N, C-alpha and C. Protein backbone atom coordinates (compact mmCIF):
# COMPACT_ATOMS: atom_id res chain seq x y z
N MET A 1 0.84 -1.16 0.00
CA MET A 1 0.00 0.00 0.00
C MET A 1 0.89 1.23 0.00
N THR A 2 0.50 2.27 -0.71
CA THR A 2 1.29 3.49 -0.83
C THR A 2 0.87 4.48 0.25
N ASP A 3 1.88 5.07 0.92
CA ASP A 3 1.60 6.09 1.94
C ASP A 3 1.45 7.42 1.22
N THR A 4 0.23 7.96 1.11
CA THR A 4 -0.02 9.18 0.33
C THR A 4 0.41 10.44 1.07
N SER A 5 0.68 10.36 2.35
CA SER A 5 1.04 11.57 3.09
C SER A 5 2.48 12.01 2.81
N SER A 6 3.36 11.07 2.43
CA SER A 6 4.76 11.45 2.24
C SER A 6 5.17 11.54 0.77
N THR A 7 4.52 10.78 -0.10
CA THR A 7 4.89 10.82 -1.51
C THR A 7 3.64 11.02 -2.35
N PRO A 8 3.75 11.77 -3.42
CA PRO A 8 2.58 11.97 -4.28
C PRO A 8 2.29 10.69 -5.06
N ASP A 9 1.02 10.45 -5.35
CA ASP A 9 0.60 9.27 -6.10
C ASP A 9 0.86 9.53 -7.58
N THR A 10 1.73 8.72 -8.17
CA THR A 10 2.11 8.93 -9.57
C THR A 10 1.41 7.95 -10.50
N ARG A 11 0.43 7.22 -9.95
CA ARG A 11 -0.28 6.26 -10.80
C ARG A 11 -1.26 6.97 -11.72
N THR A 12 -1.50 6.35 -12.83
CA THR A 12 -2.47 6.89 -13.78
C THR A 12 -3.87 6.51 -13.31
N PRO A 13 -4.88 7.18 -13.78
CA PRO A 13 -6.25 6.81 -13.42
C PRO A 13 -6.57 5.35 -13.77
N ALA A 14 -6.05 4.85 -14.87
CA ALA A 14 -6.28 3.45 -15.26
C ALA A 14 -5.64 2.50 -14.25
N GLU A 15 -4.44 2.87 -13.77
CA GLU A 15 -3.77 2.03 -12.77
C GLU A 15 -4.53 2.05 -11.45
N ILE A 16 -5.05 3.21 -11.09
CA ILE A 16 -5.83 3.32 -9.86
C ILE A 16 -7.10 2.49 -9.97
N GLU A 17 -7.78 2.58 -11.12
CA GLU A 17 -9.00 1.79 -11.34
C GLU A 17 -8.70 0.29 -11.30
N ALA A 18 -7.58 -0.11 -11.91
CA ALA A 18 -7.20 -1.53 -11.90
C ALA A 18 -6.91 -1.99 -10.47
N ASP A 19 -6.25 -1.13 -9.69
CA ASP A 19 -5.94 -1.46 -8.30
C ASP A 19 -7.22 -1.60 -7.49
N ILE A 20 -8.16 -0.67 -7.70
CA ILE A 20 -9.44 -0.74 -6.99
C ILE A 20 -10.19 -2.02 -7.37
N LYS A 21 -10.20 -2.34 -8.66
CA LYS A 21 -10.89 -3.55 -9.14
C LYS A 21 -10.28 -4.80 -8.51
N ARG A 22 -8.92 -4.86 -8.47
CA ARG A 22 -8.23 -6.01 -7.89
C ARG A 22 -8.56 -6.13 -6.40
N ARG A 23 -8.58 -5.00 -5.70
CA ARG A 23 -8.87 -5.02 -4.26
C ARG A 23 -10.32 -5.43 -4.00
N ARG A 24 -11.25 -4.99 -4.85
CA ARG A 24 -12.65 -5.40 -4.72
C ARG A 24 -12.79 -6.91 -4.90
N GLU A 25 -12.09 -7.46 -5.90
CA GLU A 25 -12.15 -8.91 -6.14
C GLU A 25 -11.58 -9.68 -4.95
N THR A 26 -10.46 -9.20 -4.42
CA THR A 26 -9.86 -9.85 -3.26
C THR A 26 -10.80 -9.78 -2.06
N LEU A 27 -11.41 -8.62 -1.86
CA LEU A 27 -12.36 -8.45 -0.77
C LEU A 27 -13.57 -9.36 -0.95
N ALA A 28 -14.07 -9.47 -2.17
CA ALA A 28 -15.22 -10.34 -2.46
C ALA A 28 -14.88 -11.79 -2.15
N GLU A 29 -13.68 -12.23 -2.56
CA GLU A 29 -13.25 -13.60 -2.27
C GLU A 29 -13.16 -13.84 -0.77
N THR A 30 -12.61 -12.86 -0.05
CA THR A 30 -12.48 -12.98 1.40
C THR A 30 -13.86 -13.06 2.06
N LEU A 31 -14.78 -12.22 1.62
CA LEU A 31 -16.13 -12.25 2.18
C LEU A 31 -16.84 -13.56 1.86
N ASP A 32 -16.64 -14.08 0.66
CA ASP A 32 -17.22 -15.38 0.31
C ASP A 32 -16.68 -16.48 1.21
N GLU A 33 -15.38 -16.46 1.45
CA GLU A 33 -14.76 -17.46 2.31
C GLU A 33 -15.29 -17.35 3.74
N ILE A 34 -15.43 -16.13 4.24
CA ILE A 34 -15.99 -15.93 5.58
C ILE A 34 -17.42 -16.44 5.63
N GLY A 35 -18.18 -16.15 4.58
CA GLY A 35 -19.56 -16.63 4.52
C GLY A 35 -19.66 -18.14 4.57
N VAL A 36 -18.76 -18.81 3.89
CA VAL A 36 -18.76 -20.28 3.91
C VAL A 36 -18.37 -20.78 5.30
N ARG A 37 -17.37 -20.15 5.92
CA ARG A 37 -16.91 -20.60 7.23
C ARG A 37 -17.97 -20.43 8.31
N VAL A 38 -18.76 -19.38 8.26
CA VAL A 38 -19.75 -19.13 9.31
C VAL A 38 -21.13 -19.68 8.97
N HIS A 39 -21.27 -20.31 7.82
CA HIS A 39 -22.55 -20.91 7.44
C HIS A 39 -22.86 -22.05 8.40
N PRO A 40 -24.10 -22.15 8.87
CA PRO A 40 -24.46 -23.20 9.84
C PRO A 40 -24.12 -24.62 9.37
N LYS A 41 -24.32 -24.90 8.08
CA LYS A 41 -24.00 -26.24 7.58
C LYS A 41 -22.51 -26.54 7.71
N THR A 42 -21.68 -25.53 7.46
CA THR A 42 -20.24 -25.71 7.58
C THR A 42 -19.86 -25.95 9.03
N ILE A 43 -20.45 -25.17 9.93
CA ILE A 43 -20.14 -25.31 11.35
C ILE A 43 -20.57 -26.69 11.84
N VAL A 44 -21.77 -27.12 11.46
CA VAL A 44 -22.27 -28.45 11.88
C VAL A 44 -21.39 -29.54 11.28
N GLY A 45 -21.02 -29.39 10.01
CA GLY A 45 -20.17 -30.40 9.37
C GLY A 45 -18.82 -30.51 10.04
N ASP A 46 -18.23 -29.36 10.39
CA ASP A 46 -16.94 -29.38 11.09
C ASP A 46 -17.08 -30.04 12.47
N ALA A 47 -18.18 -29.72 13.17
CA ALA A 47 -18.39 -30.31 14.50
C ALA A 47 -18.57 -31.82 14.39
N LYS A 48 -19.34 -32.26 13.39
CA LYS A 48 -19.54 -33.70 13.19
C LYS A 48 -18.22 -34.40 12.89
N ALA A 49 -17.42 -33.80 12.04
CA ALA A 49 -16.14 -34.40 11.69
C ALA A 49 -15.24 -34.50 12.91
N LYS A 50 -15.27 -33.50 13.75
CA LYS A 50 -14.45 -33.53 14.97
C LYS A 50 -14.93 -34.62 15.92
N VAL A 51 -16.24 -34.76 16.08
CA VAL A 51 -16.79 -35.80 16.96
C VAL A 51 -16.44 -37.18 16.42
N VAL A 52 -16.61 -37.37 15.12
CA VAL A 52 -16.29 -38.67 14.52
C VAL A 52 -14.81 -38.99 14.70
N SER A 53 -13.97 -37.99 14.52
CA SER A 53 -12.53 -38.20 14.71
C SER A 53 -12.21 -38.60 16.15
N ASN A 54 -12.85 -37.92 17.11
CA ASN A 54 -12.63 -38.25 18.51
C ASN A 54 -13.13 -39.65 18.85
N ILE A 55 -14.29 -40.02 18.29
CA ILE A 55 -14.83 -41.36 18.53
C ILE A 55 -13.91 -42.41 17.93
N ASP A 56 -13.45 -42.17 16.70
CA ASP A 56 -12.53 -43.12 16.07
C ASP A 56 -11.27 -43.28 16.90
N HIS A 57 -10.75 -42.18 17.40
CA HIS A 57 -9.53 -42.23 18.22
C HIS A 57 -9.79 -43.02 19.51
N THR A 58 -10.93 -42.76 20.16
CA THR A 58 -11.27 -43.45 21.40
C THR A 58 -11.48 -44.94 21.16
N LEU A 59 -12.20 -45.26 20.09
CA LEU A 59 -12.44 -46.67 19.77
C LEU A 59 -11.14 -47.39 19.43
N GLY A 60 -10.26 -46.71 18.74
CA GLY A 60 -8.95 -47.30 18.42
C GLY A 60 -8.16 -47.61 19.67
N ARG A 61 -8.16 -46.65 20.61
CA ARG A 61 -7.44 -46.89 21.87
C ARG A 61 -8.08 -48.02 22.66
N ALA A 62 -9.43 -48.07 22.67
CA ALA A 62 -10.13 -49.14 23.38
C ALA A 62 -9.81 -50.49 22.75
N TYR A 63 -9.79 -50.54 21.43
CA TYR A 63 -9.48 -51.80 20.73
C TYR A 63 -8.08 -52.28 21.10
N VAL A 64 -7.13 -51.36 21.11
CA VAL A 64 -5.75 -51.74 21.46
C VAL A 64 -5.70 -52.25 22.89
N GLY A 65 -6.40 -51.58 23.80
CA GLY A 65 -6.41 -52.00 25.20
C GLY A 65 -7.04 -53.37 25.38
N VAL A 66 -8.18 -53.59 24.74
CA VAL A 66 -8.86 -54.89 24.84
C VAL A 66 -8.01 -55.97 24.21
N ASN A 67 -7.42 -55.68 23.08
CA ASN A 67 -6.57 -56.66 22.41
C ASN A 67 -5.39 -57.06 23.30
N ARG A 68 -4.81 -56.09 24.00
CA ARG A 68 -3.69 -56.38 24.90
C ARG A 68 -4.14 -57.29 26.05
N VAL A 69 -5.31 -56.97 26.64
CA VAL A 69 -5.82 -57.78 27.75
C VAL A 69 -6.12 -59.20 27.27
N VAL A 70 -6.75 -59.33 26.11
CA VAL A 70 -7.07 -60.66 25.57
C VAL A 70 -5.78 -61.45 25.33
N SER A 71 -4.77 -60.78 24.80
CA SER A 71 -3.50 -61.47 24.56
C SER A 71 -2.86 -61.92 25.87
N GLU A 72 -2.95 -61.07 26.89
CA GLU A 72 -2.38 -61.44 28.19
C GLU A 72 -3.13 -62.62 28.80
N VAL A 73 -4.46 -62.61 28.72
CA VAL A 73 -5.26 -63.72 29.25
C VAL A 73 -4.97 -64.98 28.46
N LYS A 74 -4.91 -64.86 27.16
CA LYS A 74 -4.61 -66.03 26.32
C LYS A 74 -3.24 -66.60 26.68
N GLY A 75 -2.28 -65.69 26.93
CA GLY A 75 -0.95 -66.14 27.32
C GLY A 75 -0.96 -66.91 28.63
N GLN A 76 -1.91 -66.60 29.51
CA GLN A 76 -2.01 -67.31 30.78
C GLN A 76 -2.71 -68.65 30.63
N LEU A 77 -3.57 -68.80 29.63
CA LEU A 77 -4.38 -70.00 29.49
C LEU A 77 -3.89 -70.96 28.41
N VAL A 78 -2.93 -70.52 27.60
CA VAL A 78 -2.43 -71.35 26.49
C VAL A 78 -0.90 -71.30 26.50
N THR A 79 -0.29 -72.43 26.21
CA THR A 79 1.17 -72.46 26.14
C THR A 79 1.64 -71.79 24.86
N GLU A 80 2.95 -71.59 24.75
CA GLU A 80 3.49 -70.96 23.55
C GLU A 80 3.24 -71.80 22.30
N GLU A 81 3.10 -73.11 22.48
CA GLU A 81 2.81 -74.00 21.35
C GLU A 81 1.34 -74.00 20.99
N GLY A 82 0.49 -73.37 21.83
CA GLY A 82 -0.94 -73.31 21.54
C GLY A 82 -1.75 -74.35 22.29
N ALA A 83 -1.12 -75.16 23.12
CA ALA A 83 -1.85 -76.17 23.89
C ALA A 83 -2.50 -75.52 25.11
N PRO A 84 -3.72 -75.94 25.44
CA PRO A 84 -4.39 -75.36 26.61
C PRO A 84 -3.71 -75.76 27.91
N ARG A 85 -3.66 -74.85 28.84
CA ARG A 85 -3.11 -75.12 30.18
C ARG A 85 -4.28 -75.46 31.10
N LEU A 86 -4.58 -76.74 31.20
CA LEU A 86 -5.75 -77.19 31.96
C LEU A 86 -5.65 -76.81 33.43
N GLU A 87 -4.42 -76.76 33.98
CA GLU A 87 -4.27 -76.40 35.39
C GLU A 87 -4.72 -74.96 35.65
N ARG A 88 -4.82 -74.15 34.62
CA ARG A 88 -5.31 -72.78 34.78
C ARG A 88 -6.73 -72.61 34.25
N ILE A 89 -7.10 -73.38 33.24
CA ILE A 89 -8.42 -73.24 32.62
C ILE A 89 -9.51 -73.78 33.54
N VAL A 90 -9.29 -74.93 34.16
CA VAL A 90 -10.32 -75.55 34.99
C VAL A 90 -10.72 -74.65 36.15
N PRO A 91 -9.78 -74.09 36.94
CA PRO A 91 -10.23 -73.20 38.03
C PRO A 91 -10.99 -71.97 37.52
N VAL A 92 -10.56 -71.39 36.41
CA VAL A 92 -11.26 -70.23 35.85
C VAL A 92 -12.67 -70.63 35.44
N ALA A 93 -12.82 -71.76 34.79
CA ALA A 93 -14.14 -72.23 34.37
C ALA A 93 -15.04 -72.48 35.58
N LEU A 94 -14.50 -73.04 36.64
CA LEU A 94 -15.30 -73.29 37.85
C LEU A 94 -15.76 -71.97 38.48
N VAL A 95 -14.90 -70.99 38.51
CA VAL A 95 -15.28 -69.69 39.06
C VAL A 95 -16.38 -69.05 38.21
N VAL A 96 -16.26 -69.13 36.90
CA VAL A 96 -17.28 -68.57 36.01
C VAL A 96 -18.61 -69.26 36.22
N VAL A 97 -18.59 -70.58 36.28
CA VAL A 97 -19.83 -71.34 36.51
C VAL A 97 -20.43 -70.95 37.86
N GLY A 98 -19.61 -70.80 38.89
CA GLY A 98 -20.12 -70.41 40.20
C GLY A 98 -20.76 -69.03 40.19
N VAL A 99 -20.11 -68.07 39.55
CA VAL A 99 -20.67 -66.71 39.48
C VAL A 99 -21.98 -66.71 38.71
N VAL A 100 -22.05 -67.42 37.60
CA VAL A 100 -23.28 -67.49 36.82
C VAL A 100 -24.37 -68.16 37.65
N GLY A 101 -24.02 -69.20 38.40
CA GLY A 101 -24.99 -69.86 39.26
C GLY A 101 -25.53 -68.94 40.34
N LEU A 102 -24.65 -68.13 40.95
CA LEU A 102 -25.10 -67.18 41.97
C LEU A 102 -26.05 -66.14 41.38
N PHE A 103 -25.74 -65.66 40.19
CA PHE A 103 -26.64 -64.70 39.54
C PHE A 103 -27.99 -65.35 39.23
N ALA A 104 -27.97 -66.59 38.80
CA ALA A 104 -29.22 -67.29 38.48
C ALA A 104 -30.05 -67.48 39.74
N LEU A 105 -29.42 -67.86 40.85
CA LEU A 105 -30.16 -68.02 42.10
C LEU A 105 -30.70 -66.68 42.60
N GLY A 106 -29.91 -65.64 42.48
CA GLY A 106 -30.36 -64.31 42.91
C GLY A 106 -31.55 -63.82 42.11
N SER A 107 -31.53 -64.03 40.82
CA SER A 107 -32.67 -63.58 40.00
C SER A 107 -33.90 -64.45 40.25
N ARG A 108 -33.70 -65.72 40.56
CA ARG A 108 -34.84 -66.62 40.84
C ARG A 108 -35.50 -66.20 42.15
N ARG A 109 -34.70 -65.84 43.17
CA ARG A 109 -35.24 -65.44 44.46
C ARG A 109 -36.03 -64.13 44.34
N ARG A 110 -35.57 -63.22 43.49
CA ARG A 110 -36.27 -61.95 43.32
C ARG A 110 -37.62 -62.15 42.68
N ARG A 111 -37.73 -63.13 41.80
CA ARG A 111 -39.02 -63.40 41.13
C ARG A 111 -40.02 -64.03 42.07
N ASP A 112 -39.54 -64.82 43.02
CA ASP A 112 -40.46 -65.54 43.93
C ASP A 112 -40.97 -64.68 45.02
């Protein structure tokens, strides 16, 4: 931009008109961009994309965590060759059956 207070403007009227036209076009583009950014559909779309991204990130972390736990449990119940470790599986199965039985008895008592 030219500082008109210290130097005289030596542009021709055609150059001034061209400069004004260029600045109007730039301003129009800027206003169009602002209009798109503040449009409700754009705001909602951006918010949806952010939520989906956060959900994907959370689900990915949960998947990794669950996968790690399953691998650790599998490592405790199966040998490196893939054979089941009955000395560990049988007690776990008995505990599961006992817990399920207690829940079944509790729900039966509530109905009676």
